[in-house]
């Protein structure tokens, strides 16, 4: 049985909790879907709809990504290779940050 996709209300709770953990309060945005005419800030409902769309369309794809394994690699090797750090444009900078 495949998992049941989350409802809009469940996603709203998850999104608000995740943003709150980062110190972002969506209640600061104007209510509704219309942007604030003075600041251009999106409406709260529009922002939540956009974030729900992002979570539904992108997060699962990113979570399921595995780095490609060399041809002929067995399943255990392929799984181990998928745990490597993602390729970086400037790895020396990242190496320095980790020390």
N, C-alpha and C. Protein backbone atom coordinates (compact mmCIF):
# COMPACT_ATOMS: atom_id res chain seq x y z
N UNK A 1 0.84 -1.18 0.00
CA UNK A 1 0.00 0.00 0.00
C UNK A 1 0.89 1.24 0.00
N UNK A 2 0.74 2.09 -1.01
CA UNK A 2 1.56 3.30 -1.07
C UNK A 2 1.17 4.28 0.04
N UNK A 3 2.13 5.10 0.46
CA UNK A 3 1.80 6.09 1.50
C UNK A 3 0.77 7.10 1.01
N UNK A 4 -0.03 7.58 1.94
CA UNK A 4 -1.05 8.59 1.63
C UNK A 4 -0.39 9.96 1.61
N UNK A 5 -0.54 10.71 0.53
CA UNK A 5 0.05 12.05 0.50
C UNK A 5 -0.57 12.94 1.58
N UNK A 6 0.21 13.85 2.14
CA UNK A 6 -0.32 14.73 3.18
C UNK A 6 -1.36 15.70 2.61
N UNK A 7 -2.29 16.08 3.45
CA UNK A 7 -3.29 17.07 3.06
C UNK A 7 -2.68 18.47 3.11
N UNK A 8 -3.39 19.44 2.57
CA UNK A 8 -2.91 20.83 2.64
C UNK A 8 -2.73 21.27 4.09
N UNK A 9 -3.68 20.91 4.95
CA UNK A 9 -3.59 21.32 6.36
C UNK A 9 -2.37 20.69 7.03
N UNK A 10 -2.09 19.43 6.73
CA UNK A 10 -0.92 18.78 7.32
C UNK A 10 0.37 19.42 6.82
N UNK A 11 0.41 19.74 5.55
CA UNK A 11 1.59 20.41 5.01
C UNK A 11 1.76 21.81 5.61
N UNK A 12 0.65 22.51 5.81
CA UNK A 12 0.73 23.84 6.43
C UNK A 12 1.35 23.76 7.82
N UNK A 13 0.95 22.75 8.59
CA UNK A 13 1.52 22.58 9.94
C UNK A 13 3.01 22.31 9.85
N UNK A 14 3.42 21.42 8.95
CA UNK A 14 4.83 21.09 8.79
C UNK A 14 5.63 22.31 8.34
N UNK A 15 5.11 23.03 7.37
CA UNK A 15 5.81 24.21 6.84
C UNK A 15 5.94 25.28 7.91
N UNK A 16 4.86 25.55 8.62
CA UNK A 16 4.91 26.56 9.69
C UNK A 16 5.90 26.16 10.79
N UNK A 17 5.92 24.87 11.14
CA UNK A 17 6.84 24.40 12.18
C UNK A 17 8.28 24.53 11.72
N UNK A 18 8.54 24.15 10.48
CA UNK A 18 9.91 24.25 9.96
C UNK A 18 10.36 25.70 9.89
N UNK A 19 9.50 26.57 9.40
CA UNK A 19 9.86 27.99 9.34
C UNK A 19 10.01 28.59 10.73
N UNK A 20 9.15 28.19 11.66
CA UNK A 20 9.26 28.69 13.04
C UNK A 20 10.59 28.28 13.66
N UNK A 21 11.07 27.08 13.34
CA UNK A 21 12.35 26.64 13.88
C UNK A 21 13.50 27.48 13.35
N UNK A 22 13.27 28.15 12.22
CA UNK A 22 14.28 29.05 11.65
C UNK A 22 14.05 30.51 12.04
N UNK A 23 12.98 30.75 12.83
CA UNK A 23 12.67 32.11 13.26
C UNK A 23 11.83 32.90 12.29
N UNK A 24 11.14 32.21 11.38
CA UNK A 24 10.29 32.88 10.39
C UNK A 24 8.84 32.69 10.77
N UNK A 25 8.11 33.79 10.88
CA UNK A 25 6.70 33.77 11.26
C UNK A 25 5.86 34.21 10.07
N UNK A 26 5.11 33.27 9.49
CA UNK A 26 4.28 33.61 8.33
C UNK A 26 3.14 34.56 8.69
N UNK A 27 2.82 34.68 9.97
CA UNK A 27 1.75 35.59 10.37
C UNK A 27 2.15 37.05 10.19
N UNK A 28 3.43 37.29 9.89
CA UNK A 28 3.88 38.65 9.60
C UNK A 28 3.41 39.10 8.21
N UNK A 29 3.05 38.15 7.36
CA UNK A 29 2.59 38.48 6.01
C UNK A 29 1.14 38.92 6.06
N UNK A 30 0.72 39.71 5.07
CA UNK A 30 -0.69 40.12 5.04
C UNK A 30 -1.59 38.91 4.76
N UNK A 31 -2.76 38.91 5.34
CA UNK A 31 -3.70 37.80 5.14
C UNK A 31 -4.18 37.76 3.69
N UNK A 32 -4.57 36.58 3.24
CA UNK A 32 -5.13 36.43 1.91
C UNK A 32 -4.09 36.09 0.86
N UNK A 33 -4.48 36.25 -0.40
CA UNK A 33 -3.59 35.89 -1.50
C UNK A 33 -3.00 37.12 -2.19
N UNK A 34 -3.54 38.29 -1.94
CA UNK A 34 -3.06 39.50 -2.60
C UNK A 34 -1.80 40.03 -1.92
N UNK A 35 -0.81 40.45 -2.71
CA UNK A 35 0.38 41.03 -2.11
C UNK A 35 0.09 42.38 -1.46
N UNK A 36 0.90 42.74 -0.50
CA UNK A 36 0.76 44.03 0.16
C UNK A 36 1.11 45.12 -0.86
N UNK A 37 0.21 46.09 -1.09
CA UNK A 37 0.48 47.11 -2.11
C UNK A 37 1.66 48.01 -1.77
N UNK A 38 1.95 48.18 -0.49
CA UNK A 38 3.03 49.08 -0.09
C UNK A 38 4.40 48.39 -0.14
N UNK A 39 4.47 47.15 0.37
CA UNK A 39 5.77 46.46 0.47
C UNK A 39 5.99 45.43 -0.62
N UNK A 40 4.89 44.94 -1.23
CA UNK A 40 5.02 43.89 -2.22
C UNK A 40 5.14 42.50 -1.63
N UNK A 41 5.04 42.40 -0.29
CA UNK A 41 5.11 41.09 0.37
C UNK A 41 3.93 40.23 -0.08
N UNK A 42 4.16 38.96 -0.34
CA UNK A 42 3.06 38.10 -0.79
C UNK A 42 2.05 37.90 0.33
N UNK A 43 0.83 37.59 -0.04
CA UNK A 43 -0.18 37.25 0.96
C UNK A 43 0.16 35.92 1.61
N UNK A 44 -0.27 35.73 2.85
CA UNK A 44 0.02 34.52 3.62
C UNK A 44 -0.47 33.27 2.89
N UNK A 45 -1.69 33.31 2.37
CA UNK A 45 -2.23 32.14 1.68
C UNK A 45 -1.46 31.83 0.40
N UNK A 46 -1.05 32.86 -0.31
CA UNK A 46 -0.26 32.67 -1.54
C UNK A 46 1.11 32.07 -1.21
N UNK A 47 1.72 32.55 -0.12
CA UNK A 47 3.02 32.02 0.28
C UNK A 47 2.91 30.55 0.68
N UNK A 48 1.88 30.22 1.46
CA UNK A 48 1.69 28.83 1.86
C UNK A 48 1.41 27.94 0.66
N UNK A 49 0.62 28.41 -0.29
CA UNK A 49 0.34 27.62 -1.49
C UNK A 49 1.63 27.37 -2.27
N UNK A 50 2.47 28.37 -2.39
CA UNK A 50 3.74 28.21 -3.09
C UNK A 50 4.65 27.22 -2.36
N UNK A 51 4.71 27.32 -1.04
CA UNK A 51 5.54 26.41 -0.26
C UNK A 51 5.02 24.97 -0.32
N UNK A 52 3.69 24.80 -0.31
CA UNK A 52 3.11 23.45 -0.45
C UNK A 52 3.49 22.86 -1.80
N UNK A 53 3.41 23.66 -2.84
CA UNK A 53 3.78 23.21 -4.17
C UNK A 53 5.25 22.79 -4.22
N UNK A 54 6.11 23.58 -3.59
CA UNK A 54 7.52 23.24 -3.53
C UNK A 54 7.75 21.92 -2.81
N UNK A 55 7.12 21.76 -1.65
CA UNK A 55 7.32 20.53 -0.87
C UNK A 55 6.82 19.32 -1.65
N UNK A 56 5.67 19.43 -2.27
CA UNK A 56 5.12 18.30 -3.02
C UNK A 56 5.94 17.96 -4.26
N UNK A 57 6.50 18.96 -4.90
CA UNK A 57 7.17 18.72 -6.17
C UNK A 57 8.66 18.56 -6.12
N UNK A 58 9.32 19.03 -5.07
CA UNK A 58 10.77 19.07 -5.06
C UNK A 58 11.40 18.23 -3.97
N UNK A 59 10.88 18.28 -2.77
CA UNK A 59 11.54 17.64 -1.64
C UNK A 59 11.66 16.13 -1.83
N UNK A 60 10.61 15.48 -2.30
CA UNK A 60 10.67 14.04 -2.53
C UNK A 60 11.70 13.66 -3.58
N UNK A 61 11.77 14.46 -4.62
CA UNK A 61 12.75 14.21 -5.68
C UNK A 61 14.17 14.35 -5.15
N UNK A 62 14.42 15.39 -4.37
CA UNK A 62 15.74 15.59 -3.80
C UNK A 62 16.09 14.48 -2.81
N UNK A 63 15.13 14.07 -1.99
CA UNK A 63 15.37 13.03 -1.00
C UNK A 63 15.66 11.68 -1.67
N UNK A 64 15.09 11.44 -2.82
CA UNK A 64 15.28 10.16 -3.49
C UNK A 64 16.50 10.10 -4.38
N UNK A 65 17.23 11.20 -4.52
CA UNK A 65 18.39 11.22 -5.41
C UNK A 65 19.52 10.38 -4.85
N UNK A 66 20.14 9.60 -5.70
CA UNK A 66 21.36 8.87 -5.35
C UNK A 66 22.41 9.17 -6.39
N UNK A 67 23.64 9.36 -5.93
CA UNK A 67 24.73 9.56 -6.88
C UNK A 67 24.86 8.30 -7.72
N UNK A 68 25.15 8.46 -9.00
CA UNK A 68 25.27 7.28 -9.85
C UNK A 68 26.47 6.43 -9.45
N UNK A 69 26.30 5.11 -9.49
CA UNK A 69 27.38 4.18 -9.19
C UNK A 69 28.02 3.74 -10.50
N UNK A 70 29.27 3.32 -10.44
CA UNK A 70 29.91 2.83 -11.67
C UNK A 70 29.16 1.62 -12.23
N UNK A 71 29.23 1.45 -13.52
CA UNK A 71 28.56 0.32 -14.16
C UNK A 71 29.07 -0.99 -13.57
N UNK A 72 28.15 -1.89 -13.28
CA UNK A 72 28.51 -3.20 -12.75
C UNK A 72 28.69 -3.24 -11.24
N UNK A 73 28.51 -2.12 -10.53
CA UNK A 73 28.65 -2.11 -9.07
C UNK A 73 27.49 -2.86 -8.44
N UNK A 74 27.78 -3.62 -7.39
CA UNK A 74 26.70 -4.35 -6.72
C UNK A 74 25.86 -3.38 -5.88
N UNK A 75 24.73 -3.85 -5.38
CA UNK A 75 23.77 -2.98 -4.68
C UNK A 75 24.37 -2.36 -3.42
N UNK A 76 25.18 -3.12 -2.67
CA UNK A 76 25.79 -2.58 -1.45
C UNK A 76 26.77 -1.46 -1.76
N UNK A 77 27.56 -1.65 -2.81
CA UNK A 77 28.51 -0.62 -3.21
C UNK A 77 27.78 0.63 -3.68
N UNK A 78 26.73 0.43 -4.47
CA UNK A 78 25.95 1.58 -4.96
C UNK A 78 25.34 2.35 -3.80
N UNK A 79 24.84 1.63 -2.79
CA UNK A 79 24.25 2.30 -1.61
C UNK A 79 25.32 3.08 -0.85
N UNK A 80 26.51 2.49 -0.68
CA UNK A 80 27.59 3.18 0.02
C UNK A 80 28.03 4.42 -0.75
N UNK A 81 28.11 4.32 -2.06
CA UNK A 81 28.51 5.47 -2.87
C UNK A 81 27.48 6.59 -2.79
N UNK A 82 26.21 6.25 -2.57
CA UNK A 82 25.17 7.28 -2.50
C UNK A 82 25.28 8.11 -1.22
N UNK A 83 26.08 7.67 -0.26
CA UNK A 83 26.24 8.41 1.00
C UNK A 83 27.39 9.41 0.95
N UNK A 84 28.04 9.53 -0.18
CA UNK A 84 29.15 10.47 -0.32
C UNK A 84 28.63 11.90 -0.32
N UNK A 85 29.52 12.82 -0.05
CA UNK A 85 29.16 14.24 -0.15
C UNK A 85 28.86 14.58 -1.60
N UNK A 86 27.94 15.48 -1.80
CA UNK A 86 27.61 15.92 -3.16
C UNK A 86 28.81 16.64 -3.76
N UNK A 87 28.97 16.54 -5.07
CA UNK A 87 30.08 17.25 -5.72
C UNK A 87 29.97 18.75 -5.49
N UNK A 88 31.11 19.40 -5.30
CA UNK A 88 31.12 20.83 -5.04
C UNK A 88 32.04 21.52 -6.04
N UNK A 89 31.70 22.74 -6.37
CA UNK A 89 32.52 23.50 -7.30
C UNK A 89 33.88 23.82 -6.70
N UNK A 90 33.91 24.19 -5.42
CA UNK A 90 35.15 24.54 -4.74
C UNK A 90 35.27 23.69 -3.47
N UNK A 91 35.69 22.43 -3.58
CA UNK A 91 35.73 21.55 -2.39
C UNK A 91 36.70 22.01 -1.32
N UNK A 92 37.73 22.75 -1.68
CA UNK A 92 38.70 23.18 -0.66
C UNK A 92 38.04 24.08 0.37
N UNK A 93 37.08 24.89 -0.05
CA UNK A 93 36.38 25.78 0.88
C UNK A 93 35.57 24.94 1.87
N UNK A 94 34.86 23.95 1.37
CA UNK A 94 34.06 23.09 2.24
C UNK A 94 34.94 22.30 3.19
N UNK A 95 36.06 21.83 2.71
CA UNK A 95 37.00 21.09 3.56
C UNK A 95 37.49 21.97 4.69
N UNK A 96 37.79 23.20 4.41
CA UNK A 96 38.25 24.12 5.45
C UNK A 96 37.17 24.39 6.47
N UNK A 97 35.90 24.52 6.03
CA UNK A 97 34.79 24.78 6.96
C UNK A 97 34.60 23.62 7.94
N UNK A 98 34.85 22.40 7.48
CA UNK A 98 34.61 21.24 8.32
C UNK A 98 35.70 21.01 9.35
N UNK A 99 36.81 21.72 9.23
CA UNK A 99 37.93 21.49 10.17
C UNK A 99 37.80 22.38 11.39
